[in-house]
């Protein structure tokens, strides 16, 4: 008997969308390589800082087996990008701990990103790979929760 379809939310920042969107491509690509049925609902936010709030709303609404959050936080020379990245990751962790819904991160913070063709190409490919890894992780946590969900101990 095949497993019930999984439902995933994919929240992505629009800042550096040409790069960040590759994570979603990789996520879909990896899911397509499996026999597991899954739906992916995509949600856009302006930037990385908005990811935890959207993830929290989705987790509280329920029905997702996992939420994936993707962003590229770069050093723009004006603010400390490492503080932003730390706040985002901390916020995403807090969401999963408070709600019980797994929240996975494809939020990356390169030290020396430059908007050159070489860097852009490198990070587009890197995000695609990270999206594929996120799909593997989402499938893994969703499968691990199946027995618990079947016992009615997790809200769906």
C-alpha atoms as a PDB file:
ATOM      1  CA  UNK A   1       0.000   0.000   0.000  1.00  0.00           C
ATOM      2  CA  UNK A   2       1.603   3.315  -1.050  1.00  0.00           C
ATOM      3  CA  UNK A   3       2.140   6.013   1.542  1.00  0.00           C
ATOM      4  CA  UNK A   4      -0.298   8.896   1.584  1.00  0.00           C
ATOM      5  CA  UNK A   5       0.844  11.972  -0.329  1.00  0.00           C
ATOM      6  CA  UNK A   6       2.993  14.372   1.632  1.00  0.00           C
ATOM      7  CA  UNK A   7       2.302  18.085   1.685  1.00  0.00           C
ATOM      8  CA  UNK A   8       5.235  20.474   1.831  1.00  0.00           C
ATOM      9  CA  UNK A   9       5.419  24.264   2.023  1.00  0.00           C
ATOM     10  CA  UNK A  10       8.346  25.969   0.313  1.00  0.00           C
ATOM     11  CA  UNK A  11       8.883  29.565   1.447  1.00  0.00           C
ATOM     12  CA  UNK A  12      11.421  31.545  -0.534  1.00  0.00           C
ATOM     13  CA  UNK A  13      12.818  35.033  -0.345  1.00  0.00           C
ATOM     14  CA  UNK A  14      12.464  37.212  -3.428  1.00  0.00           C
ATOM     15  CA  UNK A  15      15.755  38.963  -2.728  1.00  0.00           C
ATOM     16  CA  UNK A  16      18.272  37.347  -5.122  1.00  0.00           C
ATOM     17  CA  UNK A  17      15.382  35.314  -6.582  1.00  0.00           C
ATOM     18  CA  UNK A  18      17.366  34.237  -9.654  1.00  0.00           C
ATOM     19  CA  UNK A  19      19.597  32.270  -7.279  1.00  0.00           C
ATOM     20  CA  UNK A  20      17.143  31.327  -4.506  1.00  0.00           C
ATOM     21  CA  UNK A  21      14.587  29.942  -6.974  1.00  0.00           C
ATOM     22  CA  UNK A  22      17.109  27.266  -7.976  1.00  0.00           C
ATOM     23  CA  UNK A  23      16.557  25.665  -4.561  1.00  0.00           C
ATOM     24  CA  UNK A  24      12.905  25.186  -5.459  1.00  0.00           C
ATOM     25  CA  UNK A  25      13.972  23.702  -8.807  1.00  0.00           C
ATOM     26  CA  UNK A  26      16.222  21.223  -7.012  1.00  0.00           C
ATOM     27  CA  UNK A  27      13.470  20.401  -4.526  1.00  0.00           C
ATOM     28  CA  UNK A  28      11.028  19.569  -7.328  1.00  0.00           C
ATOM     29  CA  UNK A  29      13.738  17.719  -9.254  1.00  0.00           C
ATOM     30  CA  UNK A  30      14.520  15.412  -6.342  1.00  0.00           C
ATOM     31  CA  UNK A  31      10.855  14.769  -5.523  1.00  0.00           C
ATOM     32  CA  UNK A  32      10.276  13.805  -9.167  1.00  0.00           C
ATOM     33  CA  UNK A  33      13.007  11.162  -8.833  1.00  0.00           C
ATOM     34  CA  UNK A  34      11.144   9.385  -6.043  1.00  0.00           C
ATOM     35  CA  UNK A  35       8.013   7.264  -6.050  1.00  0.00           C
ATOM     36  CA  UNK A  36       6.564   9.297  -3.179  1.00  0.00           C
ATOM     37  CA  UNK A  37       3.554  11.424  -4.027  1.00  0.00           C
ATOM     38  CA  UNK A  38       3.921  14.951  -2.692  1.00  0.00           C
ATOM     39  CA  UNK A  39       2.452  18.367  -3.238  1.00  0.00           C
ATOM     40  CA  UNK A  40       4.499  21.513  -2.829  1.00  0.00           C
ATOM     41  CA  UNK A  41       2.880  24.852  -2.096  1.00  0.00           C
ATOM     42  CA  UNK A  42       5.151  27.811  -2.775  1.00  0.00           C
ATOM     43  CA  UNK A  43       5.083  31.053  -0.808  1.00  0.00           C
ATOM     44  CA  UNK A  44       7.150  34.155  -1.549  1.00  0.00           C
ATOM     45  CA  UNK A  45       8.358  36.668   1.010  1.00  0.00           C
ATOM     46  CA  UNK A  46      10.324  39.872   0.362  1.00  0.00           C
ATOM     47  CA  UNK A  47      13.543  38.768   2.045  1.00  0.00           C
ATOM     48  CA  UNK A  48      15.152  36.347   4.465  1.00  0.00           C
ATOM     49  CA  UNK A  49      14.008  38.220   7.556  1.00  0.00           C
ATOM     50  CA  UNK A  50      10.370  37.464   6.726  1.00  0.00           C
ATOM     51  CA  UNK A  51      10.875  33.677   6.480  1.00  0.00           C
ATOM     52  CA  UNK A  52      10.249  32.782  10.152  1.00  0.00           C
ATOM     53  CA  UNK A  53       6.973  34.691  10.369  1.00  0.00           C
ATOM     54  CA  UNK A  54       5.577  33.076   7.213  1.00  0.00           C
ATOM     55  CA  UNK A  55       6.817  29.639   8.341  1.00  0.00           C
ATOM     56  CA  UNK A  56       5.147  30.159  11.705  1.00  0.00           C
ATOM     57  CA  UNK A  57       1.813  31.054  10.115  1.00  0.00           C
ATOM     58  CA  UNK A  58       1.959  28.010   7.860  1.00  0.00           C
ATOM     59  CA  UNK A  59       2.922  25.697  10.718  1.00  0.00           C
ATOM     60  CA  UNK A  60       0.136  27.042  12.918  1.00  0.00           C
ATOM     61  CA  UNK A  61      -2.385  26.569  10.105  1.00  0.00           C
ATOM     62  CA  UNK A  62      -1.344  22.914  10.022  1.00  0.00           C
ATOM     63  CA  UNK A  63      -1.466  20.340   7.305  1.00  0.00           C
ATOM     64  CA  UNK A  64       2.157  20.492   6.183  1.00  0.00           C
ATOM     65  CA  UNK A  65       4.498  17.572   6.724  1.00  0.00           C
ATOM     66  CA  UNK A  66       7.462  19.945   6.531  1.00  0.00           C
ATOM     67  CA  UNK A  67       8.222  23.550   5.666  1.00  0.00           C
ATOM     68  CA  UNK A  68      11.331  24.545   3.713  1.00  0.00           C
ATOM     69  CA  UNK A  69      12.676  28.101   3.890  1.00  0.00           C
ATOM     70  CA  UNK A  70      15.155  29.407   1.308  1.00  0.00           C
ATOM     71  CA  UNK A  71      17.128  32.640   1.118  1.00  0.00           C
ATOM     72  CA  UNK A  72      20.501  34.072   0.200  1.00  0.00           C
ATOM     73  CA  UNK A  73      21.796  36.558   2.768  1.00  0.00           C
ATOM     74  CA  UNK A  74      24.774  38.493   1.426  1.00  0.00           C
ATOM     75  CA  UNK A  75      27.055  41.122   2.831  1.00  0.00           C
ATOM     76  CA  UNK A  76      25.766  44.319   1.261  1.00  0.00           C
ATOM     77  CA  UNK A  77      28.254  46.443   3.173  1.00  0.00           C
ATOM     78  CA  UNK A  78      25.513  48.301   5.044  1.00  0.00           C
ATOM     79  CA  UNK A  79      24.475  45.834   7.726  1.00  0.00           C
ATOM     80  CA  UNK A  80      25.942  42.782   9.399  1.00  0.00           C
ATOM     81  CA  UNK A  81      24.570  39.992   7.258  1.00  0.00           C
ATOM     82  CA  UNK A  82      25.705  37.382   9.768  1.00  0.00           C
ATOM     83  CA  UNK A  83      23.324  38.889  12.347  1.00  0.00           C
ATOM     84  CA  UNK A  84      20.446  38.686   9.863  1.00  0.00           C
ATOM     85  CA  UNK A  85      21.289  35.088   8.985  1.00  0.00           C
ATOM     86  CA  UNK A  86      21.552  34.105  12.660  1.00  0.00           C
ATOM     87  CA  UNK A  87      18.190  35.737  13.432  1.00  0.00           C
ATOM     88  CA  UNK A  88      16.558  33.904  10.515  1.00  0.00           C
ATOM     89  CA  UNK A  89      17.927  30.495  11.486  1.00  0.00           C
ATOM     90  CA  UNK A  90      17.068  31.048  15.138  1.00  0.00           C
ATOM     91  CA  UNK A  91      13.545  32.099  14.167  1.00  0.00           C
ATOM     92  CA  UNK A  92      13.055  29.039  11.976  1.00  0.00           C
ATOM     93  CA  UNK A  93      14.261  26.758  14.783  1.00  0.00           C
ATOM     94  CA  UNK A  94      11.870  28.440  17.210  1.00  0.00           C
ATOM     95  CA  UNK A  95       8.964  27.861  14.808  1.00  0.00           C
ATOM     96  CA  UNK A  96       9.590  24.139  14.602  1.00  0.00           C
ATOM     97  CA  UNK A  97      10.095  23.778  18.339  1.00  0.00           C
ATOM     98  CA  UNK A  98       6.885  25.693  19.147  1.00  0.00           C
ATOM     99  CA  UNK A  99       4.683  24.061  16.520  1.00  0.00           C
ATOM    100  CA  UNK A 100       6.083  20.567  16.080  1.00  0.00           C
ATOM    101  CA  UNK A 101       6.221  21.048  12.316  1.00  0.00           C
ATOM    102  CA  UNK A 102       9.670  20.391  10.838  1.00  0.00           C
ATOM    103  CA  UNK A 103      11.185  23.539   9.337  1.00  0.00           C
ATOM    104  CA  UNK A 104      14.168  22.999   7.045  1.00  0.00           C
ATOM    105  CA  UNK A 105      16.551  25.714   5.927  1.00  0.00           C
ATOM    106  CA  UNK A 106      18.172  26.390   2.587  1.00  0.00           C
ATOM    107  CA  UNK A 107      19.231  29.809   3.846  1.00  0.00           C
ATOM    108  CA  UNK A 108      22.847  30.427   2.966  1.00  0.00           C
ATOM    109  CA  UNK A 109      25.244  33.205   3.893  1.00  0.00           C
ATOM    110  CA  UNK A 110      28.357  33.373   1.713  1.00  0.00           C
ATOM    111  CA  UNK A 111      31.254  35.395   3.041  1.00  0.00           C
ATOM    112  CA  UNK A 112      32.331  36.985  -0.217  1.00  0.00           C
ATOM    113  CA  UNK A 113      29.452  36.967  -2.689  1.00  0.00           C
ATOM    114  CA  UNK A 114      29.903  39.211  -5.701  1.00  0.00           C
ATOM    115  CA  UNK A 115      27.196  39.565  -8.370  1.00  0.00           C
ATOM    116  CA  UNK A 116      29.523  38.375 -11.128  1.00  0.00           C
ATOM    117  CA  UNK A 117      28.584  35.679 -13.645  1.00  0.00           C
ATOM    118  CA  UNK A 118      30.972  33.206 -11.976  1.00  0.00           C
ATOM    119  CA  UNK A 119      29.581  33.741  -8.477  1.00  0.00           C
ATOM    120  CA  UNK A 120      25.989  33.779  -9.667  1.00  0.00           C
ATOM    121  CA  UNK A 121      26.500  30.545 -11.604  1.00  0.00           C
ATOM    122  CA  UNK A 122      28.219  28.891  -8.665  1.00  0.00           C
ATOM    123  CA  UNK A 123      25.435  29.804  -6.234  1.00  0.00           C
ATOM    124  CA  UNK A 124      22.644  28.919  -8.665  1.00  0.00           C
ATOM    125  CA  UNK A 125      24.084  25.413  -8.886  1.00  0.00           C
ATOM    126  CA  UNK A 126      24.757  25.281  -5.146  1.00  0.00           C
ATOM    127  CA  UNK A 127      21.151  26.249  -4.364  1.00  0.00           C
ATOM    128  CA  UNK A 128      19.838  23.593  -6.766  1.00  0.00           C
ATOM    129  CA  UNK A 129      21.888  20.969  -4.919  1.00  0.00           C
ATOM    130  CA  UNK A 130      20.753  22.293  -1.535  1.00  0.00           C
ATOM    131  CA  UNK A 131      17.145  22.155  -2.753  1.00  0.00           C
ATOM    132  CA  UNK A 132      17.627  18.500  -3.644  1.00  0.00           C
ATOM    133  CA  UNK A 133      19.079  17.860  -0.186  1.00  0.00           C
ATOM    134  CA  UNK A 134      16.120  19.686   1.387  1.00  0.00           C
ATOM    135  CA  UNK A 135      13.732  17.393  -0.505  1.00  0.00           C
ATOM    136  CA  UNK A 136      15.556  14.363   0.906  1.00  0.00           C
ATOM    137  CA  UNK A 137      15.328  15.821   4.406  1.00  0.00           C
ATOM    138  CA  UNK A 138      11.638  16.712   3.988  1.00  0.00           C
ATOM    139  CA  UNK A 139      10.843  13.186   2.826  1.00  0.00           C
ATOM    140  CA  UNK A 140      12.839  11.738   5.703  1.00  0.00           C
ATOM    141  CA  UNK A 141      11.112  13.747   8.434  1.00  0.00           C
ATOM    142  CA  UNK A 142       7.690  13.173   6.866  1.00  0.00           C
ATOM    143  CA  UNK A 143       8.265   9.423   6.689  1.00  0.00           C
ATOM    144  CA  UNK A 144       9.549   9.354  10.267  1.00  0.00           C
ATOM    145  CA  UNK A 145       6.366  11.082  11.469  1.00  0.00           C
ATOM    146  CA  UNK A 146       4.032   8.637   9.693  1.00  0.00           C
ATOM    147  CA  UNK A 147       3.712   6.151  12.601  1.00  0.00           C
ATOM    148  CA  UNK A 148       3.177   8.996  15.076  1.00  0.00           C
ATOM    149  CA  UNK A 149       0.593  10.605  12.808  1.00  0.00           C
ATOM    150  CA  UNK A 150      -1.172   7.248  12.404  1.00  0.00           C
ATOM    151  CA  UNK A 151      -1.539   7.057  16.188  1.00  0.00           C
ATOM    152  CA  UNK A 152      -3.184  10.488  16.161  1.00  0.00           C
ATOM    153  CA  UNK A 153      -0.463  12.128  18.237  1.00  0.00           C
ATOM    154  CA  UNK A 154       0.378  14.769  15.621  1.00  0.00           C
ATOM    155  CA  UNK A 155      -2.123  17.172  14.141  1.00  0.00           C
ATOM    156  CA  UNK A 156      -2.274  17.177  10.383  1.00  0.00           C
END
